[in-house]
Amino acid sequence: MNTMNDHESDGQTPTDWHPADVLAALKKRGHSLAGLSVANGYHPTAAGKALKQSWPAMERLLADAIGVPPMAIWPSRYDGEGNPRRHAKT
């Protein structure tokens, strides 16, 4: 998996990581979606929902576990300053 978002090097708008890439990155670091959810006081399915819809708090937990900022994984959900967009589309 390339940590640089698609099209980033050719000047186009970067795209969000594919959910399978997020899962692979977590697995490489010894994490699972359910494990991260439960360890942080959420329902076991909570982290999986952040792969499909904007949830800044859970996105932060996933990104921290991978070792990158959330906007690197989901650029469509964050502005240029790294702040969550209000109505991000995924």
N, C-alpha and C. Protein backbone atom coordinates (compact mmCIF):
# COMPACT_ATOMS: atom_id res chain seq x y z
N MET A 1 0.85 -1.18 0.00
CA MET A 1 0.00 0.00 0.00
C MET A 1 0.88 1.24 0.00
N ASN A 2 0.58 2.13 -0.83
CA ASN A 2 1.29 3.39 -0.89
C ASN A 2 0.59 4.38 0.03
N THR A 3 1.34 5.00 0.95
CA THR A 3 0.71 5.93 1.87
C THR A 3 0.39 7.27 1.22
N MET A 4 0.95 7.53 0.05
CA MET A 4 0.60 8.74 -0.68
C MET A 4 -0.74 8.50 -1.36
N ASN A 5 -1.65 9.42 -1.21
CA ASN A 5 -2.96 9.27 -1.82
C ASN A 5 -2.85 9.27 -3.33
N ASP A 6 -3.76 8.55 -3.99
CA ASP A 6 -3.80 8.51 -5.44
C ASP A 6 -3.84 9.93 -5.99
N HIS A 7 -3.12 10.16 -7.04
CA HIS A 7 -3.10 11.43 -7.76
C HIS A 7 -2.37 12.55 -7.03
N GLU A 8 -1.88 12.32 -5.83
CA GLU A 8 -1.23 13.40 -5.08
C GLU A 8 0.01 13.90 -5.81
N SER A 9 0.73 13.00 -6.43
CA SER A 9 1.98 13.39 -7.08
C SER A 9 1.75 14.05 -8.44
N ASP A 10 0.56 13.89 -9.03
CA ASP A 10 0.33 14.48 -10.35
C ASP A 10 -0.51 15.75 -10.30
N GLY A 11 -0.67 16.33 -9.09
CA GLY A 11 -1.36 17.60 -8.95
C GLY A 11 -2.87 17.51 -8.89
N GLN A 12 -3.43 16.32 -9.00
CA GLN A 12 -4.88 16.17 -8.90
C GLN A 12 -5.30 16.07 -7.44
N THR A 13 -6.58 16.17 -7.21
CA THR A 13 -7.11 16.06 -5.86
C THR A 13 -6.86 14.66 -5.31
N PRO A 14 -6.30 14.55 -4.10
CA PRO A 14 -6.07 13.23 -3.54
C PRO A 14 -7.40 12.54 -3.22
N THR A 15 -7.40 11.23 -3.28
CA THR A 15 -8.60 10.46 -2.99
C THR A 15 -8.47 9.77 -1.64
N ASP A 16 -9.61 9.44 -1.08
CA ASP A 16 -9.63 8.71 0.18
C ASP A 16 -9.06 7.31 0.00
N TRP A 17 -8.47 6.79 1.06
CA TRP A 17 -7.99 5.42 1.03
C TRP A 17 -9.18 4.49 0.87
N HIS A 18 -8.97 3.40 0.22
CA HIS A 18 -9.99 2.36 0.14
C HIS A 18 -10.11 1.73 1.52
N PRO A 19 -11.32 1.37 1.96
CA PRO A 19 -11.47 0.75 3.29
C PRO A 19 -10.57 -0.47 3.49
N ALA A 20 -10.33 -1.24 2.44
CA ALA A 20 -9.45 -2.40 2.57
C ALA A 20 -8.02 -1.98 2.89
N ASP A 21 -7.60 -0.82 2.39
CA ASP A 21 -6.26 -0.32 2.70
C ASP A 21 -6.16 0.12 4.15
N VAL A 22 -7.23 0.71 4.68
CA VAL A 22 -7.26 1.09 6.09
C VAL A 22 -7.18 -0.16 6.95
N LEU A 23 -7.97 -1.16 6.60
CA LEU A 23 -7.95 -2.42 7.36
C LEU A 23 -6.57 -3.07 7.31
N ALA A 24 -5.94 -3.08 6.15
CA ALA A 24 -4.60 -3.68 6.02
C ALA A 24 -3.58 -2.93 6.86
N ALA A 25 -3.66 -1.59 6.85
CA ALA A 25 -2.72 -0.79 7.64
C ALA A 25 -2.90 -1.07 9.13
N LEU A 26 -4.15 -1.20 9.57
CA LEU A 26 -4.40 -1.52 10.98
C LEU A 26 -3.86 -2.89 11.33
N LYS A 27 -4.13 -3.86 10.47
CA LYS A 27 -3.68 -5.24 10.72
C LYS A 27 -2.16 -5.32 10.79
N LYS A 28 -1.47 -4.59 9.91
CA LYS A 28 -0.01 -4.58 9.92
C LYS A 28 0.55 -4.08 11.24
N ARG A 29 -0.24 -3.26 11.92
CA ARG A 29 0.19 -2.69 13.20
C ARG A 29 -0.42 -3.41 14.40
N GLY A 30 -1.06 -4.56 14.13
CA GLY A 30 -1.59 -5.38 15.21
C GLY A 30 -2.93 -4.95 15.76
N HIS A 31 -3.69 -4.19 14.99
CA HIS A 31 -4.98 -3.69 15.45
C HIS A 31 -6.11 -4.30 14.62
N SER A 32 -7.30 -4.21 15.16
CA SER A 32 -8.52 -4.57 14.42
C SER A 32 -9.55 -3.47 14.68
N LEU A 33 -10.54 -3.40 13.81
CA LEU A 33 -11.59 -2.40 13.99
C LEU A 33 -12.32 -2.62 15.31
N ALA A 34 -12.73 -3.85 15.57
CA ALA A 34 -13.46 -4.14 16.81
C ALA A 34 -12.59 -3.87 18.03
N GLY A 35 -11.33 -4.26 17.96
CA GLY A 35 -10.43 -4.05 19.09
C GLY A 35 -10.25 -2.58 19.42
N LEU A 36 -10.07 -1.75 18.40
CA LEU A 36 -9.94 -0.31 18.63
C LEU A 36 -11.23 0.28 19.18
N SER A 37 -12.35 -0.17 18.64
CA SER A 37 -13.63 0.34 19.12
C SER A 37 -13.81 0.05 20.60
N VAL A 38 -13.68 -1.20 20.98
CA VAL A 38 -13.90 -1.61 22.36
C VAL A 38 -12.87 -0.98 23.30
N ALA A 39 -11.62 -0.93 22.89
CA ALA A 39 -10.57 -0.34 23.72
C ALA A 39 -10.82 1.13 24.03
N ASN A 40 -11.62 1.78 23.18
CA ASN A 40 -11.90 3.20 23.37
C ASN A 40 -13.33 3.46 23.83
N GLY A 41 -13.99 2.41 24.32
CA GLY A 41 -15.32 2.57 24.91
C GLY A 41 -16.49 2.60 23.95
N TYR A 42 -16.26 2.17 22.71
CA TYR A 42 -17.32 2.16 21.72
C TYR A 42 -17.83 0.73 21.50
N HIS A 43 -18.97 0.63 20.84
CA HIS A 43 -19.51 -0.65 20.42
C HIS A 43 -18.51 -1.28 19.43
N PRO A 44 -18.39 -2.61 19.41
CA PRO A 44 -17.42 -3.25 18.51
C PRO A 44 -17.54 -2.87 17.03
N THR A 45 -18.71 -2.48 16.58
CA THR A 45 -18.88 -2.13 15.16
C THR A 45 -18.63 -0.66 14.85
N ALA A 46 -18.34 0.14 15.86
CA ALA A 46 -18.22 1.59 15.67
C ALA A 46 -17.15 1.98 14.66
N ALA A 47 -15.96 1.44 14.78
CA ALA A 47 -14.86 1.84 13.89
C ALA A 47 -15.18 1.52 12.43
N GLY A 48 -15.87 0.43 12.20
CA GLY A 48 -16.24 0.08 10.83
C GLY A 48 -17.14 1.12 10.18
N LYS A 49 -17.96 1.77 10.98
CA LYS A 49 -18.84 2.81 10.45
C LYS A 49 -18.06 4.02 9.97
N ALA A 50 -16.94 4.29 10.61
CA ALA A 50 -16.11 5.44 10.20
C ALA A 50 -15.46 5.21 8.84
N LEU A 51 -15.41 3.97 8.38
CA LEU A 51 -14.87 3.71 7.05
C LEU A 51 -15.86 4.15 5.97
N LYS A 52 -17.14 4.24 6.33
CA LYS A 52 -18.19 4.54 5.36
C LYS A 52 -18.78 5.93 5.49
N GLN A 53 -18.71 6.50 6.68
CA GLN A 53 -19.29 7.82 6.90
C GLN A 53 -18.41 8.64 7.83
N SER A 54 -18.53 9.93 7.72
CA SER A 54 -17.71 10.83 8.53
C SER A 54 -18.03 10.69 10.01
N TRP A 55 -16.97 10.49 10.80
CA TRP A 55 -17.07 10.40 12.25
C TRP A 55 -15.70 10.83 12.77
N PRO A 56 -15.46 12.14 12.90
CA PRO A 56 -14.13 12.65 13.23
C PRO A 56 -13.45 12.01 14.44
N ALA A 57 -14.18 11.76 15.51
CA ALA A 57 -13.56 11.16 16.70
C ALA A 57 -13.01 9.77 16.40
N MET A 58 -13.78 8.97 15.69
CA MET A 58 -13.34 7.62 15.36
C MET A 58 -12.26 7.65 14.27
N GLU A 59 -12.37 8.58 13.34
CA GLU A 59 -11.34 8.72 12.31
C GLU A 59 -9.99 9.02 12.97
N ARG A 60 -9.99 9.86 14.00
CA ARG A 60 -8.76 10.20 14.73
C ARG A 60 -8.17 8.94 15.37
N LEU A 61 -9.01 8.13 16.00
CA LEU A 61 -8.52 6.90 16.63
C LEU A 61 -7.91 5.95 15.60
N LEU A 62 -8.57 5.79 14.47
CA LEU A 62 -8.05 4.92 13.41
C LEU A 62 -6.73 5.47 12.86
N ALA A 63 -6.71 6.75 12.57
CA ALA A 63 -5.51 7.36 12.01
C ALA A 63 -4.34 7.28 13.00
N ASP A 64 -4.60 7.52 14.28
CA ASP A 64 -3.54 7.42 15.29
C ASP A 64 -2.98 6.00 15.35
N ALA A 65 -3.86 5.02 15.24
CA ALA A 65 -3.41 3.62 15.27
C ALA A 65 -2.54 3.29 14.06
N ILE A 66 -2.82 3.94 12.93
CA ILE A 66 -2.04 3.71 11.70
C ILE A 66 -0.77 4.56 11.70
N GLY A 67 -0.83 5.72 12.35
CA GLY A 67 0.34 6.59 12.42
C GLY A 67 0.37 7.71 11.40
N VAL A 68 -0.82 8.11 10.94
CA VAL A 68 -0.93 9.22 9.99
C VAL A 68 -2.07 10.13 10.45
N PRO A 69 -2.13 11.37 9.97
CA PRO A 69 -3.27 12.22 10.32
C PRO A 69 -4.53 11.76 9.58
N PRO A 70 -5.70 11.99 10.17
CA PRO A 70 -6.94 11.57 9.51
C PRO A 70 -7.09 12.12 8.09
N MET A 71 -6.64 13.36 7.87
CA MET A 71 -6.81 13.93 6.52
C MET A 71 -5.96 13.23 5.47
N ALA A 72 -4.95 12.46 5.90
CA ALA A 72 -4.17 11.67 4.93
C ALA A 72 -4.98 10.48 4.44
N ILE A 73 -5.84 9.95 5.29
CA ILE A 73 -6.66 8.80 4.93
C ILE A 73 -7.94 9.24 4.22
N TRP A 74 -8.56 10.30 4.73
CA TRP A 74 -9.84 10.79 4.20
C TRP A 74 -9.74 12.26 3.80
N PRO A 75 -9.01 12.61 2.77
CA PRO A 75 -8.89 14.03 2.39
C PRO A 75 -10.23 14.66 2.02
N SER A 76 -11.18 13.88 1.57
CA SER A 76 -12.49 14.45 1.22
C SER A 76 -13.26 14.91 2.45
N ARG A 77 -12.88 14.42 3.62
CA ARG A 77 -13.60 14.74 4.85
C ARG A 77 -12.97 15.89 5.64
N TYR A 78 -11.82 16.40 5.18
CA TYR A 78 -11.09 17.43 5.92
C TYR A 78 -10.72 18.59 5.01
N ASP A 79 -10.64 19.78 5.59
CA ASP A 79 -10.21 20.94 4.82
C ASP A 79 -8.68 20.99 4.81
N GLY A 80 -8.12 21.98 4.17
CA GLY A 80 -6.68 22.11 4.05
C GLY A 80 -5.95 22.31 5.36
N GLU A 81 -6.68 22.72 6.39
CA GLU A 81 -6.09 22.93 7.71
C GLU A 81 -6.16 21.68 8.58
N GLY A 82 -6.83 20.64 8.07
CA GLY A 82 -6.98 19.41 8.85
C GLY A 82 -8.22 19.38 9.72
N ASN A 83 -9.13 20.33 9.51
CA ASN A 83 -10.37 20.38 10.27
C ASN A 83 -11.44 19.58 9.54
N PRO A 84 -12.27 18.85 10.28
CA PRO A 84 -13.36 18.08 9.63
C PRO A 84 -14.30 19.02 8.88
N ARG A 85 -14.70 18.58 7.70
CA ARG A 85 -15.73 19.31 6.95
C ARG A 85 -17.07 18.99 7.60
N ARG A 86 -17.98 19.90 7.53
CA ARG A 86 -19.29 19.71 8.17
C ARG A 86 -20.09 18.59 7.54
N HIS A 87 -20.19 18.56 6.25
CA HIS A 87 -21.01 17.55 5.57
C HIS A 87 -20.15 16.80 4.56
N ALA A 88 -19.16 16.10 5.07
CA ALA A 88 -18.26 15.36 4.19
C ALA A 88 -19.01 14.24 3.50
N LYS A 89 -18.71 14.06 2.23
CA LYS A 89 -19.31 12.96 1.48
C LYS A 89 -18.25 11.89 1.30
N THR A 90 -18.65 10.65 1.53
CA THR A 90 -17.72 9.53 1.38
C THR A 90 -18.14 8.60 0.30
